Protein backbone atom coordinates (compact mmCIF):
# COMPACT_ATOMS: atom_id res chain seq x y z
CA MET A 1 -1.32 -57.35 -99.78
CA ARG A 2 -1.19 -53.80 -99.28
CA ASN A 3 -3.34 -53.27 -96.26
CA PHE A 4 -1.11 -56.17 -94.86
CA LEU A 5 1.88 -53.50 -95.53
CA ARG A 6 0.06 -50.54 -94.02
CA LYS A 7 -0.79 -52.73 -91.23
CA ILE A 8 2.62 -53.32 -90.78
CA GLU A 9 4.10 -49.62 -91.72
CA LEU A 10 1.89 -48.71 -89.16
CA ASN A 11 2.77 -50.82 -86.75
CA ILE A 12 6.21 -50.09 -86.67
CA ARG A 13 5.31 -46.05 -86.71
CA LEU A 14 3.93 -46.81 -83.35
CA LEU A 15 6.19 -48.60 -81.62
CA PHE A 16 8.67 -45.67 -82.52
CA ASP A 17 6.11 -42.94 -81.10
CA ARG A 18 5.69 -44.51 -78.14
CA GLN A 19 9.70 -45.24 -78.07
CA MET A 20 10.10 -41.33 -78.80
CA GLU A 21 7.45 -40.33 -75.83
CA LYS A 22 8.94 -42.73 -73.84
CA LYS A 23 12.43 -40.97 -74.06
CA ILE A 24 11.26 -37.68 -73.43
CA LEU A 25 9.87 -38.64 -69.87
CA PHE A 26 12.87 -41.38 -69.10
CA LYS A 27 14.85 -38.37 -68.61
CA VAL A 28 13.07 -37.48 -65.48
CA CYS A 29 13.68 -41.52 -63.86
CA LYS A 30 15.95 -40.25 -61.26
CA GLY A 31 15.85 -42.08 -58.12
CA ASN A 32 13.34 -43.57 -56.81
CA GLY A 33 9.46 -42.51 -58.41
CA ILE A 34 6.31 -43.96 -59.88
CA ASP A 35 5.02 -44.20 -62.96
CA VAL A 36 1.03 -43.24 -62.63
CA GLY A 37 -0.96 -45.37 -64.90
CA CYS A 38 1.70 -47.60 -66.47
CA GLY A 39 -0.15 -49.98 -68.07
CA SER A 40 1.99 -52.63 -69.73
CA ASN A 41 4.52 -50.07 -70.61
CA LYS A 42 6.79 -48.76 -67.80
CA ILE A 43 8.67 -45.31 -68.42
CA CYS A 44 11.51 -46.64 -65.84
CA SER A 45 11.75 -50.20 -65.35
CA SER A 46 13.35 -49.11 -61.56
CA SER A 47 9.93 -47.15 -60.88
CA ILE A 48 7.13 -47.81 -58.78
CA GLY A 49 4.08 -48.32 -61.46
CA VAL A 50 0.37 -47.51 -60.15
CA ASP A 51 -2.57 -48.68 -62.70
CA LEU A 52 -6.08 -49.45 -61.78
CA THR A 53 -5.88 -52.80 -63.64
CA LEU A 54 -3.23 -55.16 -61.60
CA ARG A 55 0.01 -56.35 -62.13
CA GLY A 56 -0.64 -59.86 -64.75
CA ASP A 57 -4.20 -58.73 -65.84
CA LYS A 58 -5.10 -57.22 -69.00
CA GLY A 59 -6.41 -53.56 -69.96
CA LYS A 60 -9.91 -53.54 -71.47
CA TYR A 61 -9.59 -50.27 -72.70
CA GLY A 62 -7.94 -48.07 -75.62
CA ASN A 63 -4.43 -48.89 -76.57
CA GLN A 64 -3.90 -51.10 -73.10
CA LYS A 65 -6.96 -53.58 -74.45
CA GLY A 66 -5.74 -56.96 -74.35
CA ALA A 67 -2.09 -55.89 -73.07
CA ILE A 68 -0.63 -57.17 -69.80
CA SER A 69 -0.37 -54.68 -66.85
CA GLN A 70 2.80 -54.19 -64.99
CA ALA A 71 1.72 -52.40 -62.40
CA ASP A 72 3.18 -52.67 -58.24
CA VAL A 73 0.62 -51.10 -56.85
CA GLN A 74 -3.51 -51.00 -57.51
CA SER A 75 -4.73 -47.64 -57.10
CA SER A 76 -5.96 -44.44 -58.70
CA GLY A 77 -3.59 -41.86 -59.47
CA ASP A 78 -5.91 -39.19 -57.99
CA ASN A 79 -5.70 -40.79 -54.49
CA LEU A 80 -2.17 -42.42 -53.90
CA PRO A 81 -1.47 -44.56 -50.58
CA PHE A 82 1.80 -43.01 -50.44
CA LYS A 83 3.11 -40.64 -47.67
CA ASP A 84 3.77 -37.02 -48.43
CA GLU A 85 7.15 -36.12 -50.22
CA SER A 86 7.81 -40.40 -50.67
CA PHE A 87 9.31 -39.62 -54.04
CA ASP A 88 11.68 -37.85 -56.33
CA TYR A 89 9.68 -38.39 -59.65
CA VAL A 90 6.18 -38.84 -60.91
CA VAL A 91 6.01 -39.63 -65.21
CA ALA A 92 2.39 -40.27 -66.58
CA LYS A 93 2.11 -41.08 -70.03
CA HIS A 94 -1.17 -40.81 -71.59
CA ASN A 95 -2.98 -40.62 -68.38
CA LEU A 96 -3.98 -37.91 -67.12
CA GLU A 97 -6.86 -37.64 -69.40
CA HIS A 98 -8.28 -40.07 -67.63
CA TYR A 99 -9.35 -38.15 -65.19
CA SER A 100 -12.56 -36.02 -64.17
CA ASN A 101 -10.96 -33.53 -62.14
CA PRO A 102 -7.25 -33.52 -63.42
CA GLU A 103 -6.28 -30.45 -61.12
CA LYS A 104 -6.69 -32.68 -57.85
CA THR A 105 -4.98 -35.49 -59.74
CA LEU A 106 -2.09 -32.75 -60.47
CA LEU A 107 -2.18 -32.00 -56.72
CA GLU A 108 -2.17 -35.65 -55.42
CA TRP A 109 0.94 -35.86 -57.71
CA LYS A 110 2.85 -33.09 -56.24
CA ARG A 111 1.83 -34.23 -52.79
CA VAL A 112 3.84 -37.30 -52.94
CA LEU A 113 6.97 -35.46 -54.30
CA LYS A 114 9.89 -34.29 -52.48
CA LYS A 115 11.02 -31.00 -52.56
CA LYS A 116 12.76 -30.44 -55.99
CA GLY A 117 11.09 -33.41 -57.39
CA LYS A 118 10.35 -33.73 -61.04
CA ILE A 119 6.86 -34.67 -62.88
CA GLY A 120 6.87 -35.20 -66.77
CA VAL A 121 3.64 -35.83 -68.37
CA ILE A 122 2.66 -36.66 -71.58
CA VAL A 123 -0.84 -36.24 -73.17
CA PRO A 124 -2.81 -36.38 -76.23
CA ASP A 125 -2.75 -32.72 -78.23
CA ASN A 126 -6.59 -32.06 -78.57
CA ASN A 127 -5.39 -29.35 -81.48
CA TYR A 128 -5.11 -32.40 -83.48
CA VAL A 129 -6.61 -35.48 -81.46
CA ASP A 130 -9.99 -36.77 -80.98
CA SER A 131 -9.47 -37.65 -77.68
CA ASP A 132 -12.73 -39.02 -77.00
CA ALA A 133 -12.63 -41.10 -80.33
CA LEU A 134 -9.89 -42.70 -79.27
CA ASP A 135 -11.14 -44.25 -75.52
CA ILE A 136 -13.81 -43.55 -73.93
CA THR A 137 -12.33 -43.07 -70.69
CA HIS A 138 -10.80 -40.21 -71.70
CA TYR A 139 -12.66 -37.26 -69.40
CA SER A 140 -10.33 -34.15 -70.38
CA LYS A 141 -9.05 -32.42 -72.94
CA PHE A 142 -5.45 -30.94 -73.01
CA ASN A 143 -3.30 -28.83 -75.72
CA LEU A 144 0.24 -27.10 -74.28
CA SER A 145 -1.32 -23.78 -73.41
CA SER A 146 -3.95 -25.61 -71.37
CA LEU A 147 -1.48 -28.30 -69.76
CA SER A 148 0.59 -25.43 -69.29
CA SER A 149 -1.74 -23.14 -67.30
CA LEU A 150 -2.81 -26.73 -65.12
CA PHE A 151 0.76 -26.70 -64.22
CA LYS A 152 1.18 -23.10 -63.61
CA LYS A 153 -1.96 -23.00 -61.66
CA ALA A 154 -0.74 -26.22 -59.35
CA GLY A 155 2.42 -23.56 -58.57
CA LEU A 156 4.91 -26.47 -60.42
CA HIS A 157 7.65 -24.72 -62.40
CA ILE A 158 7.59 -25.78 -65.95
CA LEU A 159 11.07 -26.96 -66.92
CA GLU A 160 9.95 -27.81 -70.52
CA LYS A 161 7.55 -28.33 -72.77
CA GLY A 162 6.91 -29.04 -75.76
CA GLN A 163 5.19 -31.53 -78.61
CA ALA A 164 5.64 -34.87 -77.85
CA ILE A 165 4.97 -36.32 -81.53
CA PRO A 166 3.66 -33.58 -83.79
CA HIS A 167 0.16 -33.75 -84.36
CA TRP A 168 -0.69 -36.35 -81.45
CA SER A 169 0.59 -35.59 -78.33
CA VAL A 170 2.51 -32.77 -76.04
CA TYR A 171 4.39 -32.71 -73.40
CA ILE A 172 5.79 -30.73 -69.39
CA ILE A 173 8.31 -31.43 -67.39
CA ALA A 174 8.13 -29.56 -64.14
CA GLU A 175 9.93 -29.22 -60.61
CA LYS A 176 7.99 -28.71 -57.28
């Protein structure tokens, strides 16, 4: 019985944490935008979901294993099928760590943003979380400092940054 209650407690905590992260990125969702790596959990229902897993198919790894994809477009986030300056925003929750070249990926997201467009990103905080152990498809590790450096190197103006969930994830909201 104790283990059963602990599992319920952990599931409630996970739902709460996901909502906290979603709330941080939701404020970026103004106008037309994309949710890169949306999986089964789009940040904003009106955004265009982009994912490797087709809409209706089940995810294979990490917290998306068995979850049904909401993607509208099947594509890798580092090679988007959109024209330059197409969107007002790009959001990506727990996605940037899945790329072996996150700088190239961030520049691709910047490419599809209109002038003054916003990017919101949440990643695991490598100061507290062993990202490799979470998911075999994690290729990059970040903390707030390294993520900030990446955004600055990409020529993005950081508007806000911090911990999304203490001892779990960090976020940055930036402008093109």
